[in-house]
Amino acid sequence: GARDPSYDETQVSEAMKAPEIAIKVSLGLGKGRDRVLTCDLTKEYV
């Protein structure tokens, strides 16, 4: 529920330059798991 103590803005910013981005969310409530695919939203979409 808070920023990770080891958070490094430079490291994360570099990772976000990759053409494929994996976002993982852990809820800690049970065993339910799922995965979906999408893409970014750019000016070209508009």
PDB file of all heavy atoms in Angstrom:
ATOM      1  N   GLY A   1       0.773  -1.234   0.000  1.00  0.00           N
ATOM      2  CA  GLY A   1       0.000   0.000   0.000  1.00  0.00           C
ATOM      3  C   GLY A   1       0.804   1.284   0.000  1.00  0.00           C
ATOM      4  O   GLY A   1       0.264   2.361   0.286  1.00  0.00           O
ATOM      5  N   ALA A   2       2.102   1.205  -0.301  1.00  0.00           N
ATOM      6  CA  ALA A   2       2.933   2.415  -0.350  1.00  0.00           C
ATOM      7  C   ALA A   2       4.052   2.214  -1.365  1.00  0.00           C
ATOM      8  O   ALA A   2       4.242   1.119  -1.895  1.00  0.00           O
ATOM      9  CB  ALA A   2       3.522   2.706   1.020  1.00  0.00           C
ATOM     10  N   ARG A   3       4.790   3.284  -1.643  1.00  0.00           N
ATOM     11  CA  ARG A   3       5.922   3.168  -2.557  1.00  0.00           C
ATOM     12  C   ARG A   3       6.939   2.183  -1.994  1.00  0.00           C
ATOM     13  O   ARG A   3       7.224   2.173  -0.803  1.00  0.00           O
ATOM     14  CB  ARG A   3       6.574   4.531  -2.766  1.00  0.00           C
ATOM     15  CG  ARG A   3       7.683   4.511  -3.805  1.00  0.00           C
ATOM     16  CD  ARG A   3       8.181   5.894  -4.142  1.00  0.00           C
ATOM     17  NE  ARG A   3       8.902   6.508  -3.016  1.00  0.00           N
ATOM     18  CZ  ARG A   3       9.432   7.716  -3.050  1.00  0.00           C
ATOM     19  NH1 ARG A   3       9.284   8.455  -4.130  1.00  0.00           N
ATOM     20  NH2 ARG A   3      10.072   8.204  -1.999  1.00  0.00           N
ATOM     21  N   ASP A   4       7.485   1.350  -2.886  1.00  0.00           N
ATOM     22  CA  ASP A   4       8.475   0.364  -2.454  1.00  0.00           C
ATOM     23  C   ASP A   4       9.714   1.081  -1.907  1.00  0.00           C
ATOM     24  O   ASP A   4      10.213   2.031  -2.527  1.00  0.00           O
ATOM     25  CB  ASP A   4       8.863  -0.523  -3.648  1.00  0.00           C
ATOM     26  CG  ASP A   4       9.655  -1.741  -3.214  1.00  0.00           C
ATOM     27  OD1 ASP A   4      10.846  -1.581  -2.874  1.00  0.00           O
ATOM     28  OD2 ASP A   4       9.080  -2.841  -3.206  1.00  0.00           O
ATOM     29  N   PRO A   5      10.232   0.645  -0.773  1.00  0.00           N
ATOM     30  CA  PRO A   5      11.399   1.303  -0.172  1.00  0.00           C
ATOM     31  C   PRO A   5      12.621   1.347  -1.084  1.00  0.00           C
ATOM     32  O   PRO A   5      13.461   2.247  -0.967  1.00  0.00           O
ATOM     33  CB  PRO A   5      11.681   0.444   1.081  1.00  0.00           C
ATOM     34  CG  PRO A   5      10.369  -0.185   1.406  1.00  0.00           C
ATOM     35  CD  PRO A   5       9.717  -0.443   0.080  1.00  0.00           C
ATOM     36  N   SER A   6      12.730   0.356  -1.980  1.00  0.00           N
ATOM     37  CA  SER A   6      13.898   0.302  -2.865  1.00  0.00           C
ATOM     38  C   SER A   6      13.661   0.984  -4.211  1.00  0.00           C
ATOM     39  O   SER A   6      14.468   0.835  -5.136  1.00  0.00           O
ATOM     40  CB  SER A   6      14.297  -1.162  -3.103  1.00  0.00           C
ATOM     41  OG  SER A   6      13.245  -1.863  -3.773  1.00  0.00           O
ATOM     42  N   TYR A   7      12.573   1.742  -4.321  1.00  0.00           N
ATOM     43  CA  TYR A   7      12.212   2.366  -5.599  1.00  0.00           C
ATOM     44  C   TYR A   7      13.341   3.250  -6.126  1.00  0.00           C
ATOM     45  O   TYR A   7      13.910   4.077  -5.407  1.00  0.00           O
ATOM     46  CB  TYR A   7      10.943   3.200  -5.419  1.00  0.00           C
ATOM     47  CG  TYR A   7      10.505   3.912  -6.677  1.00  0.00           C
ATOM     48  CD1 TYR A   7       9.824   3.228  -7.679  1.00  0.00           C
ATOM     49  CD2 TYR A   7      10.786   5.261  -6.869  1.00  0.00           C
ATOM     50  CE1 TYR A   7       9.432   3.878  -8.833  1.00  0.00           C
ATOM     51  CE2 TYR A   7      10.397   5.917  -8.023  1.00  0.00           C
ATOM     52  CZ  TYR A   7       9.720   5.227  -9.004  1.00  0.00           C
ATOM     53  OH  TYR A   7       9.330   5.866 -10.149  1.00  0.00           O
ATOM     54  N   ASP A   8      13.641   3.050  -7.423  1.00  0.00           N
ATOM     55  CA  ASP A   8      14.689   3.825  -8.096  1.00  0.00           C
ATOM     56  C   ASP A   8      14.096   4.392  -9.380  1.00  0.00           C
ATOM     57  O   ASP A   8      13.863   3.662 -10.342  1.00  0.00           O
ATOM     58  CB  ASP A   8      15.884   2.922  -8.396  1.00  0.00           C
ATOM     59  CG  ASP A   8      17.054   3.667  -9.043  1.00  0.00           C
ATOM     60  OD1 ASP A   8      16.821   4.709  -9.690  1.00  0.00           O
ATOM     61  OD2 ASP A   8      18.199   3.189  -8.920  1.00  0.00           O
ATOM     62  N   GLU A   9      13.857   5.674  -9.421  1.00  0.00           N
ATOM     63  CA  GLU A   9      13.204   6.322 -10.564  1.00  0.00           C
ATOM     64  C   GLU A   9      13.979   6.099 -11.860  1.00  0.00           C
ATOM     65  O   GLU A   9      13.397   5.842 -12.919  1.00  0.00           O
ATOM     66  CB  GLU A   9      13.063   7.824 -10.306  1.00  0.00           C
ATOM     67  CG  GLU A   9      12.392   8.602 -11.435  1.00  0.00           C
ATOM     68  CD  GLU A   9      10.898   8.359 -11.515  1.00  0.00           C
ATOM     69  OE1 GLU A   9      10.272   8.056 -10.491  1.00  0.00           O
ATOM     70  OE2 GLU A   9      10.346   8.479 -12.629  1.00  0.00           O
ATOM     71  N   THR A  10      15.294   6.163 -11.799  1.00  0.00           N
ATOM     72  CA  THR A  10      16.121   5.984 -12.997  1.00  0.00           C
ATOM     73  C   THR A  10      15.963   4.576 -13.569  1.00  0.00           C
ATOM     74  O   THR A  10      15.801   4.393 -14.784  1.00  0.00           O
ATOM     75  CB  THR A  10      17.604   6.236 -12.671  1.00  0.00           C
ATOM     76  OG1 THR A  10      17.750   7.560 -12.166  1.00  0.00           O
ATOM     77  CG2 THR A  10      18.457   6.065 -13.921  1.00  0.00           C
ATOM     78  N   GLN A  11      15.985   3.582 -12.704  1.00  0.00           N
ATOM     79  CA  GLN A  11      15.848   2.192 -13.129  1.00  0.00           C
ATOM     80  C   GLN A  11      14.483   1.941 -13.778  1.00  0.00           C
ATOM     81  O   GLN A  11      14.380   1.316 -14.830  1.00  0.00           O
ATOM     82  CB  GLN A  11      16.030   1.260 -11.933  1.00  0.00           C
ATOM     83  CG  GLN A  11      15.917  -0.222 -12.283  1.00  0.00           C
ATOM     84  CD  GLN A  11      15.888  -1.116 -11.059  1.00  0.00           C
ATOM     85  OE1 GLN A  11      15.444  -0.684  -9.978  1.00  0.00           O
ATOM     86  NE2 GLN A  11      16.361  -2.345 -11.207  1.00  0.00           N
ATOM     87  N   VAL A  12      13.440   2.444 -13.137  1.00  0.00           N
ATOM     88  CA  VAL A  12      12.088   2.231 -13.649  1.00  0.00           C
ATOM     89  C   VAL A  12      11.877   2.979 -14.959  1.00  0.00           C
ATOM     90  O   VAL A  12      11.262   2.460 -15.895  1.00  0.00           O
ATOM     91  CB  VAL A  12      11.037   2.660 -12.603  1.00  0.00           C
ATOM     92  CG1 VAL A  12       9.630   2.500 -13.163  1.00  0.00           C
ATOM     93  CG2 VAL A  12      11.188   1.844 -11.329  1.00  0.00           C
ATOM     94  N   SER A  13      12.377   4.197 -15.049  1.00  0.00           N
ATOM     95  CA  SER A  13      12.221   4.994 -16.272  1.00  0.00           C
ATOM     96  C   SER A  13      12.869   4.303 -17.457  1.00  0.00           C
ATOM     97  O   SER A  13      12.342   4.320 -18.576  1.00  0.00           O
ATOM     98  CB  SER A  13      12.829   6.389 -16.079  1.00  0.00           C
ATOM     99  OG  SER A  13      12.107   7.122 -15.110  1.00  0.00           O
ATOM    100  N   GLU A  14      14.004   3.680 -17.232  1.00  0.00           N
ATOM    101  CA  GLU A  14      14.694   2.954 -18.297  1.00  0.00           C
ATOM    102  C   GLU A  14      13.871   1.746 -18.731  1.00  0.00           C
ATOM    103  O   GLU A  14      13.747   1.455 -19.928  1.00  0.00           O
ATOM    104  CB  GLU A  14      16.079   2.509 -17.824  1.00  0.00           C
ATOM    105  CG  GLU A  14      16.936   1.890 -18.910  1.00  0.00           C
ATOM    106  CD  GLU A  14      17.276   2.845 -20.041  1.00  0.00           C
ATOM    107  OE1 GLU A  14      17.365   4.067 -19.784  1.00  0.00           O
ATOM    108  OE2 GLU A  14      17.443   2.374 -21.195  1.00  0.00           O
ATOM    109  N   ALA A  15      13.281   1.047 -17.768  1.00  0.00           N
ATOM    110  CA  ALA A  15      12.466  -0.130 -18.070  1.00  0.00           C
ATOM    111  C   ALA A  15      11.227   0.235 -18.882  1.00  0.00           C
ATOM    112  O   ALA A  15      10.768  -0.539 -19.729  1.00  0.00           O
ATOM    113  CB  ALA A  15      12.041  -0.826 -16.775  1.00  0.00           C
ATOM    114  N   MET A  16      10.681   1.427 -18.669  1.00  0.00           N
ATOM    115  CA  MET A  16       9.462   1.847 -19.347  1.00  0.00           C
ATOM    116  C   MET A  16       9.690   2.197 -20.814  1.00  0.00           C
ATOM    117  O   MET A  16       8.743   2.410 -21.566  1.00  0.00           O
ATOM    118  CB  MET A  16       8.829   3.038 -18.632  1.00  0.00           C
ATOM    119  CG  MET A  16       8.303   2.724 -17.240  1.00  0.00           C
ATOM    120  SD  MET A  16       7.064   1.400 -17.211  1.00  0.00           S
ATOM    121  CE  MET A  16       5.704   2.212 -18.040  1.00  0.00           C
ATOM    122  N   LYS A  17      10.948   2.247 -21.239  1.00  0.00           N
ATOM    123  CA  LYS A  17      11.258   2.526 -22.644  1.00  0.00           C
ATOM    124  C   LYS A  17      11.085   1.291 -23.525  1.00  0.00           C
ATOM    125  O   LYS A  17      11.077   1.393 -24.752  1.00  0.00           O
ATOM    126  CB  LYS A  17      12.690   3.048 -22.768  1.00  0.00           C
ATOM    127  CG  LYS A  17      12.911   4.411 -22.115  1.00  0.00           C
ATOM    128  CD  LYS A  17      14.368   4.853 -22.249  1.00  0.00           C
ATOM    129  CE  LYS A  17      14.593   6.205 -21.553  1.00  0.00           C
ATOM    130  NZ  LYS A  17      16.022   6.630 -21.654  1.00  0.00           N
ATOM    131  N   ALA A  18      10.930   0.134 -22.919  1.00  0.00           N
ATOM    132  CA  ALA A  18      10.800  -1.119 -23.670  1.00  0.00           C
ATOM    133  C   ALA A  18       9.497  -1.138 -24.470  1.00  0.00           C
ATOM    134  O   ALA A  18       8.503  -0.531 -24.065  1.00  0.00           O
ATOM    135  CB  ALA A  18      10.832  -2.306 -22.718  1.00  0.00           C
ATOM    136  N   PRO A  19       9.479  -1.824 -25.626  1.00  0.00           N
ATOM    137  CA  PRO A  19       8.259  -1.884 -26.441  1.00  0.00           C
ATOM    138  C   PRO A  19       7.178  -2.768 -25.825  1.00  0.00           C
ATOM    139  O   PRO A  19       6.013  -2.689 -26.211  1.00  0.00           O
ATOM    140  CB  PRO A  19       8.755  -2.455 -27.771  1.00  0.00           C
ATOM    141  CG  PRO A  19       9.976  -3.238 -27.412  1.00  0.00           C
ATOM    142  CD  PRO A  19      10.616  -2.486 -26.289  1.00  0.00           C
ATOM    143  N   GLU A  20       7.555  -3.630 -24.875  1.00  0.00           N
ATOM    144  CA  GLU A  20       6.584  -4.482 -24.204  1.00  0.00           C
ATOM    145  C   GLU A  20       6.640  -4.210 -22.707  1.00  0.00           C
ATOM    146  O   GLU A  20       7.703  -4.271 -22.095  1.00  0.00           O
ATOM    147  CB  GLU A  20       6.856  -5.957 -24.503  1.00  0.00           C
ATOM    148  CG  GLU A  20       6.734  -6.279 -25.993  1.00  0.00           C
ATOM    149  CD  GLU A  20       6.908  -7.762 -26.299  1.00  0.00           C
ATOM    150  OE1 GLU A  20       6.921  -8.571 -25.341  1.00  0.00           O
ATOM    151  OE2 GLU A  20       7.033  -8.102 -27.488  1.00  0.00           O
ATOM    152  N   ILE A  21       5.479  -3.901 -22.142  1.00  0.00           N
ATOM    153  CA  ILE A  21       5.386  -3.537 -20.733  1.00  0.00           C
ATOM    154  C   ILE A  21       4.523  -4.553 -19.999  1.00  0.00           C
ATOM    155  O   ILE A  21       3.403  -4.841 -20.413  1.00  0.00           O
ATOM    156  CB  ILE A  21       4.773  -2.131 -20.556  1.00  0.00           C
ATOM    157  CG1 ILE A  21       5.574  -1.080 -21.339  1.00  0.00           C
ATOM    158  CG2 ILE A  21       4.686  -1.764 -19.079  1.00  0.00           C
ATOM    159  CD1 ILE A  21       7.002  -0.891 -20.871  1.00  0.00           C
ATOM    160  N   ALA A  22       5.063  -5.085 -18.904  1.00  0.00           N
ATOM    161  CA  ALA A  22       4.317  -6.032 -18.077  1.00  0.00           C
ATOM    162  C   ALA A  22       3.980  -5.363 -16.748  1.00  0.00           C
ATOM    163  O   ALA A  22       4.881  -4.975 -15.996  1.00  0.00           O
ATOM    164  CB  ALA A  22       5.134  -7.295 -17.837  1.00  0.00           C
ATOM    165  N   ILE A  23       2.706  -5.222 -16.476  1.00  0.00           N
ATOM    166  CA  ILE A  23       2.247  -4.685 -15.193  1.00  0.00           C
ATOM    167  C   ILE A  23       1.707  -5.847 -14.364  1.00  0.00           C
ATOM    168  O   ILE A  23       0.852  -6.604 -14.820  1.00  0.00           O
ATOM    169  CB  ILE A  23       1.128  -3.635 -15.382  1.00  0.00           C
ATOM    170  CG1 ILE A  23       1.631  -2.464 -16.231  1.00  0.00           C
ATOM    171  CG2 ILE A  23       0.617  -3.142 -14.037  1.00  0.00           C
ATOM    172  CD1 ILE A  23       0.554  -1.438 -16.538  1.00  0.00           C
ATOM    173  N   LYS A  24       2.234  -5.975 -13.162  1.00  0.00           N
ATOM    174  CA  LYS A  24       1.773  -7.050 -12.275  1.00  0.00           C
ATOM    175  C   LYS A  24       1.215  -6.440 -11.002  1.00  0.00           C
ATOM    176  O   LYS A  24       1.869  -5.622 -10.353  1.00  0.00           O
ATOM    177  CB  LYS A  24       2.924  -8.001 -11.943  1.00  0.00           C
ATOM    178  CG  LYS A  24       2.504  -9.208 -11.118  1.00  0.00           C
ATOM    179  CD  LYS A  24       3.700 -10.139 -10.908  1.00  0.00           C
ATOM    180  CE  LYS A  24       3.323 -11.372 -10.111  1.00  0.00           C
ATOM    181  NZ  LYS A  24       4.484 -12.277  -9.918  1.00  0.00           N
ATOM    182  N   VAL A  25       0.007  -6.858 -10.654  1.00  0.00           N
ATOM    183  CA  VAL A  25      -0.658  -6.375  -9.447  1.00  0.00           C
ATOM    184  C   VAL A  25      -0.921  -7.567  -8.535  1.00  0.00           C
ATOM    185  O   VAL A  25      -1.538  -8.545  -8.953  1.00  0.00           O
ATOM    186  CB  VAL A  25      -1.986  -5.677  -9.799  1.00  0.00           C
ATOM    187  CG1 VAL A  25      -2.748  -5.301  -8.533  1.00  0.00           C
ATOM    188  CG2 VAL A  25      -1.729  -4.443 -10.657  1.00  0.00           C
ATOM    189  N   SER A  26      -0.444  -7.487  -7.309  1.00  0.00           N
ATOM    190  CA  SER A  26      -0.685  -8.533  -6.315  1.00  0.00           C
ATOM    191  C   SER A  26      -1.612  -7.977  -5.245  1.00  0.00           C
ATOM    192  O   SER A  26      -1.310  -6.954  -4.615  1.00  0.00           O
ATOM    193  CB  SER A  26       0.639  -8.981  -5.690  1.00  0.00           C
ATOM    194  OG  SER A  26       1.501  -9.519  -6.679  1.00  0.00           O
ATOM    195  N   LEU A  27      -2.756  -8.656  -5.063  1.00  0.00           N
ATOM    196  CA  LEU A  27      -3.778  -8.173  -4.137  1.00  0.00           C
ATOM    197  C   LEU A  27      -3.652  -8.776  -2.744  1.00  0.00           C
ATOM    198  O   LEU A  27      -4.102  -8.179  -1.755  1.00  0.00           O
ATOM    199  CB  LEU A  27      -5.169  -8.471  -4.688  1.00  0.00           C
ATOM    200  CG  LEU A  27      -5.525  -7.802  -6.013  1.00  0.00           C
ATOM    201  CD1 LEU A  27      -6.857  -8.323  -6.523  1.00  0.00           C
ATOM    202  CD2 LEU A  27      -5.582  -6.294  -5.866  1.00  0.00           C
ATOM    203  N   GLY A  28      -3.072  -9.974  -2.658  1.00  0.00           N
ATOM    204  CA  GLY A  28      -2.882 -10.598  -1.357  1.00  0.00           C
ATOM    205  C   GLY A  28      -4.145 -11.044  -0.667  1.00  0.00           C
ATOM    206  O   GLY A  28      -4.202 -11.108   0.573  1.00  0.00           O
ATOM    207  N   LEU A  29      -5.184 -11.375  -1.440  1.00  0.00           N
ATOM    208  CA  LEU A  29      -6.473 -11.751  -0.848  1.00  0.00           C
ATOM    209  C   LEU A  29      -6.867 -13.211  -1.076  1.00  0.00           C
ATOM    210  O   LEU A  29      -7.711 -13.735  -0.356  1.00  0.00           O
ATOM    211  CB  LEU A  29      -7.578 -10.849  -1.405  1.00  0.00           C
ATOM    212  CG  LEU A  29      -7.451  -9.349  -1.168  1.00  0.00           C
ATOM    213  CD1 LEU A  29      -8.604  -8.617  -1.849  1.00  0.00           C
ATOM    214  CD2 LEU A  29      -7.415  -9.040   0.311  1.00  0.00           C
ATOM    215  N   GLY A  30      -6.307 -13.845  -2.086  1.00  0.00           N
ATOM    216  CA  GLY A  30      -6.726 -15.202  -2.422  1.00  0.00           C
ATOM    217  C   GLY A  30      -5.854 -15.802  -3.500  1.00  0.00           C
ATOM    218  O   GLY A  30      -4.711 -15.374  -3.708  1.00  0.00           O
ATOM    219  N   LYS A  31      -6.426 -16.752  -4.235  1.00  0.00           N
ATOM    220  CA  LYS A  31      -5.671 -17.462  -5.268  1.00  0.00           C
ATOM    221  C   LYS A  31      -6.107 -17.095  -6.689  1.00  0.00           C
ATOM    222  O   LYS A  31      -5.610 -17.667  -7.662  1.00  0.00           O
ATOM    223  CB  LYS A  31      -5.807 -18.969  -5.063  1.00  0.00           C
ATOM    224  CG  LYS A  31      -5.202 -19.458  -3.751  1.00  0.00           C
ATOM    225  CD  LYS A  31      -5.317 -20.968  -3.612  1.00  0.00           C
ATOM    226  CE  LYS A  31      -4.677 -21.444  -2.309  1.00  0.00           C
ATOM    227  NZ  LYS A  31      -4.781 -22.920  -2.150  1.00  0.00           N
ATOM    228  N   GLY A  32      -7.037 -16.164  -6.824  1.00  0.00           N
ATOM    229  CA  GLY A  32      -7.518 -15.772  -8.147  1.00  0.00           C
ATOM    230  C   GLY A  32      -6.448 -15.063  -8.960  1.00  0.00           C
ATOM    231  O   GLY A  32      -5.753 -14.176  -8.448  1.00  0.00           O
ATOM    232  N   ARG A  33      -6.323 -15.478 -10.221  1.00  0.00           N
ATOM    233  CA  ARG A  33      -5.302 -14.885 -11.104  1.00  0.00           C
ATOM    234  C   ARG A  33      -5.833 -14.796 -12.517  1.00  0.00           C
ATOM    235  O   ARG A  33      -6.540 -15.685 -12.986  1.00  0.00           O
ATOM    236  CB  ARG A  33      -4.034 -15.746 -11.092  1.00  0.00           C
ATOM    237  CG  ARG A  33      -2.863 -15.170 -11.882  1.00  0.00           C
ATOM    238  CD  ARG A  33      -1.681 -16.139 -11.863  1.00  0.00           C
ATOM    239  NE  ARG A  33      -0.495 -15.560 -12.451  1.00  0.00           N
ATOM    240  CZ  ARG A  33      -0.251 -15.506 -13.768  1.00  0.00           C
ATOM    241  NH1 ARG A  33      -1.134 -16.034 -14.628  1.00  0.00           N
ATOM    242  NH2 ARG A  33       0.859 -14.951 -14.237  1.00  0.00           N
ATOM    243  N   ASP A  34      -5.479 -13.733 -13.228  1.00  0.00           N
ATOM    244  CA  ASP A  34      -5.839 -13.612 -14.639  1.00  0.00           C
ATOM    245  C   ASP A  34      -4.886 -12.656 -15.337  1.00  0.00           C
ATOM    246  O   ASP A  34      -4.127 -11.917 -14.688  1.00  0.00           O
ATOM    247  CB  ASP A  34      -7.282 -13.127 -14.799  1.00  0.00           C
ATOM    248  CG  ASP A  34      -7.921 -13.634 -16.083  1.00  0.00           C
ATOM    249  OD1 ASP A  34      -7.215 -14.246 -16.903  1.00  0.00           O
ATOM    250  OD2 ASP A  34      -9.127 -13.416 -16.279  1.00  0.00           O
ATOM    251  N   ARG A  35      -4.951 -12.706 -16.662  1.00  0.00           N
ATOM    252  CA  ARG A  35      -4.035 -11.913 -17.500  1.00  0.00           C
ATOM    253  C   ARG A  35      -4.800 -11.371 -18.688  1.00  0.00           C
ATOM    254  O   ARG A  35      -5.592 -12.073 -19.307  1.00  0.00           O
ATOM    255  CB  ARG A  35      -2.891 -12.804 -17.975  1.00  0.00           C
ATOM    256  CG  ARG A  35      -2.084 -12.304 -19.154  1.00  0.00           C
ATOM    257  CD  ARG A  35      -1.169 -13.425 -19.646  1.00  0.00           C
ATOM    258  NE  ARG A  35      -0.470 -13.091 -20.865  1.00  0.00           N
ATOM    259  CZ  ARG A  35      -0.952 -13.274 -22.091  1.00  0.00           C
ATOM    260  NH1 ARG A  35      -2.166 -13.783 -22.256  1.00  0.00           N
ATOM    261  NH2 ARG A  35      -0.240 -12.961 -23.153  1.00  0.00           N
ATOM    262  N   VAL A  36      -4.579 -10.112 -19.019  1.00  0.00           N
ATOM    263  CA  VAL A  36      -5.184  -9.525 -20.215  1.00  0.00           C
ATOM    264  C   VAL A  36      -4.114  -8.749 -20.984  1.00  0.00           C
ATOM    265  O   VAL A  36      -3.063  -8.397 -20.436  1.00  0.00           O
ATOM    266  CB  VAL A  36      -6.361  -8.579 -19.871  1.00  0.00           C
ATOM    267  CG1 VAL A  36      -7.443  -9.314 -19.104  1.00  0.00           C
ATOM    268  CG2 VAL A  36      -5.887  -7.359 -19.097  1.00  0.00           C
ATOM    269  N   LEU A  37      -4.393  -8.517 -22.252  1.00  0.00           N
ATOM    270  CA  LEU A  37      -3.489  -7.749 -23.106  1.00  0.00           C
ATOM    271  C   LEU A  37      -4.154  -6.460 -23.560  1.00  0.00           C
ATOM    272  O   LEU A  37      -5.358  -6.421 -23.822  1.00  0.00           O
ATOM    273  CB  LEU A  37      -3.104  -8.567 -24.341  1.00  0.00           C
ATOM    274  CG  LEU A  37      -2.249  -9.809 -24.131  1.00  0.00           C
ATOM    275  CD1 LEU A  37      -2.056 -10.539 -25.453  1.00  0.00           C
ATOM    276  CD2 LEU A  37      -0.897  -9.448 -23.524  1.00  0.00           C
ATOM    277  N   THR A  38      -3.350  -5.414 -23.666  1.00  0.00           N
ATOM    278  CA  THR A  38      -3.826  -4.154 -24.226  1.00  0.00           C
ATOM    279  C   THR A  38      -2.620  -3.448 -24.857  1.00  0.00           C
ATOM    280  O   THR A  38      -1.580  -4.061 -25.081  1.00  0.00           O
ATOM    281  CB  THR A  38      -4.509  -3.287 -23.154  1.00  0.00           C
ATOM    282  OG1 THR A  38      -5.119  -2.149 -23.776  1.00  0.00           O
ATOM    283  CG2 THR A  38      -3.533  -2.796 -22.099  1.00  0.00           C
ATOM    284  N   CYS A  39      -2.775  -2.166 -25.121  1.00  0.00           N
ATOM    285  CA  CYS A  39      -1.677  -1.375 -25.677  1.00  0.00           C
ATOM    286  C   CYS A  39      -1.761   0.023 -25.086  1.00  0.00           C
ATOM    287  O   CYS A  39      -2.696   0.353 -24.357  1.00  0.00           O
ATOM    288  CB  CYS A  39      -1.752  -1.324 -27.200  1.00  0.00           C
ATOM    289  SG  CYS A  39      -3.271  -0.591 -27.830  1.00  0.00           S
ATOM    290  N   ASP A  40      -0.788   0.850 -25.412  1.00  0.00           N
ATOM    291  CA  ASP A  40      -0.815   2.215 -24.910  1.00  0.00           C
ATOM    292  C   ASP A  40      -1.801   3.065 -25.714  1.00  0.00           C
ATOM    293  O   ASP A  40      -2.322   2.624 -26.752  1.00  0.00           O
ATOM    294  CB  ASP A  40       0.584   2.830 -24.926  1.00  0.00           C
ATOM    295  CG  ASP A  40       1.246   2.778 -26.301  1.00  0.00           C
ATOM    296  OD1 ASP A  40       0.763   2.026 -27.184  1.00  0.00           O
ATOM    297  OD2 ASP A  40       2.257   3.481 -26.506  1.00  0.00           O
ATOM    298  N   LEU A  41      -2.068   4.250 -25.230  1.00  0.00           N
ATOM    299  CA  LEU A  41      -2.984   5.187 -25.889  1.00  0.00           C
ATOM    300  C   LEU A  41      -2.185   6.413 -26.305  1.00  0.00           C
ATOM    301  O   LEU A  41      -1.685   7.169 -25.468  1.00  0.00           O
ATOM    302  CB  LEU A  41      -4.117   5.579 -24.941  1.00  0.00           C
ATOM    303  CG  LEU A  41      -5.168   6.561 -25.466  1.00  0.00           C
ATOM    304  CD1 LEU A  41      -5.862   5.996 -26.693  1.00  0.00           C
ATOM    305  CD2 LEU A  41      -6.183   6.872 -24.377  1.00  0.00           C
ATOM    306  N   THR A  42      -2.057   6.613 -27.628  1.00  0.00           N
ATOM    307  CA  THR A  42      -1.204   7.670 -28.156  1.00  0.00           C
ATOM    308  C   THR A  42      -2.001   8.737 -28.906  1.00  0.00           C
ATOM    309  O   THR A  42      -3.190   8.575 -29.164  1.00  0.00           O
ATOM    310  CB  THR A  42      -0.168   7.074 -29.128  1.00  0.00           C
ATOM    311  OG1 THR A  42      -0.867   6.560 -30.279  1.00  0.00           O
ATOM    312  CG2 THR A  42       0.614   5.941 -28.478  1.00  0.00           C
ATOM    313  N   LYS A  43      -1.321   9.786 -29.277  1.00  0.00           N
ATOM    314  CA  LYS A  43      -1.950  10.857 -30.065  1.00  0.00           C
ATOM    315  C   LYS A  43      -2.450  10.324 -31.403  1.00  0.00           C
ATOM    316  O   LYS A  43      -3.442  10.804 -31.941  1.00  0.00           O
ATOM    317  CB  LYS A  43      -0.947  11.989 -30.302  1.00  0.00           C
ATOM    318  CG  LYS A  43      -0.552  12.746 -29.043  1.00  0.00           C
ATOM    319  CD  LYS A  43       0.472  13.822 -29.356  1.00  0.00           C
ATOM    320  CE  LYS A  43       0.894  14.562 -28.094  1.00  0.00           C
ATOM    321  NZ  LYS A  43       1.937  15.592 -28.383  1.00  0.00           N
ATOM    322  N   GLU A  44      -1.767   9.326 -31.939  1.00  0.00           N
ATOM    323  CA  GLU A  44      -2.168   8.782 -33.231  1.00  0.00           C
ATOM    324  C   GLU A  44      -3.530   8.101 -33.150  1.00  0.00           C
ATOM    325  O   GLU A  44      -4.292   8.113 -34.118  1.00  0.00           O
ATOM    326  CB  GLU A  44      -1.115   7.796 -33.751  1.00  0.00           C
ATOM    327  CG  GLU A  44      -1.373   7.363 -35.192  1.00  0.00           C
ATOM    328  CD  GLU A  44      -0.307   6.436 -35.739  1.00  0.00           C
ATOM    329  OE1 GLU A  44       0.724   6.244 -35.073  1.00  0.00           O
ATOM    330  OE2 GLU A  44      -0.516   5.890 -36.842  1.00  0.00           O
ATOM    331  N   TYR A  45      -3.860   7.505 -31.995  1.00  0.00           N
ATOM    332  CA  TYR A  45      -5.182   6.899 -31.840  1.00  0.00           C
ATOM    333  C   TYR A  45      -6.263   7.958 -32.031  1.00  0.00           C
ATOM    334  O   TYR A  45      -7.263   7.734 -32.713  1.00  0.00           O
ATOM    335  CB  TYR A  45      -5.327   6.257 -30.456  1.00  0.00           C
ATOM    336  CG  TYR A  45      -6.695   5.673 -30.214  1.00  0.00           C
ATOM    337  CD1 TYR A  45      -6.983   4.356 -30.554  1.00  0.00           C
ATOM    338  CD2 TYR A  45      -7.726   6.449 -29.680  1.00  0.00           C
ATOM    339  CE1 TYR A  45      -8.244   3.823 -30.366  1.00  0.00           C
ATOM    340  CE2 TYR A  45      -8.995   5.930 -29.493  1.00  0.00           C
ATOM    341  CZ  TYR A  45      -9.245   4.622 -29.830  1.00  0.00           C
ATOM    342  OH  TYR A  45     -10.503   4.104 -29.674  1.00  0.00           O
ATOM    343  N   VAL A  46      -6.045   9.117 -31.440  1.00  0.00           N
ATOM    344  CA  VAL A  46      -7.004  10.216 -31.571  1.00  0.00           C
ATOM    345  C   VAL A  46      -7.075  10.674 -33.022  1.00  0.00           C
ATOM    346  O   VAL A  46      -8.159  10.910 -33.569  1.00  0.00           O
ATOM    347  CB  VAL A  46      -6.618  11.394 -30.658  1.00  0.00           C
ATOM    348  CG1 VAL A  46      -7.583  12.560 -30.836  1.00  0.00           C
ATOM    349  CG2 VAL A  46      -6.581  10.957 -29.197  1.00  0.00           C
TER     350      VAL A  46
END
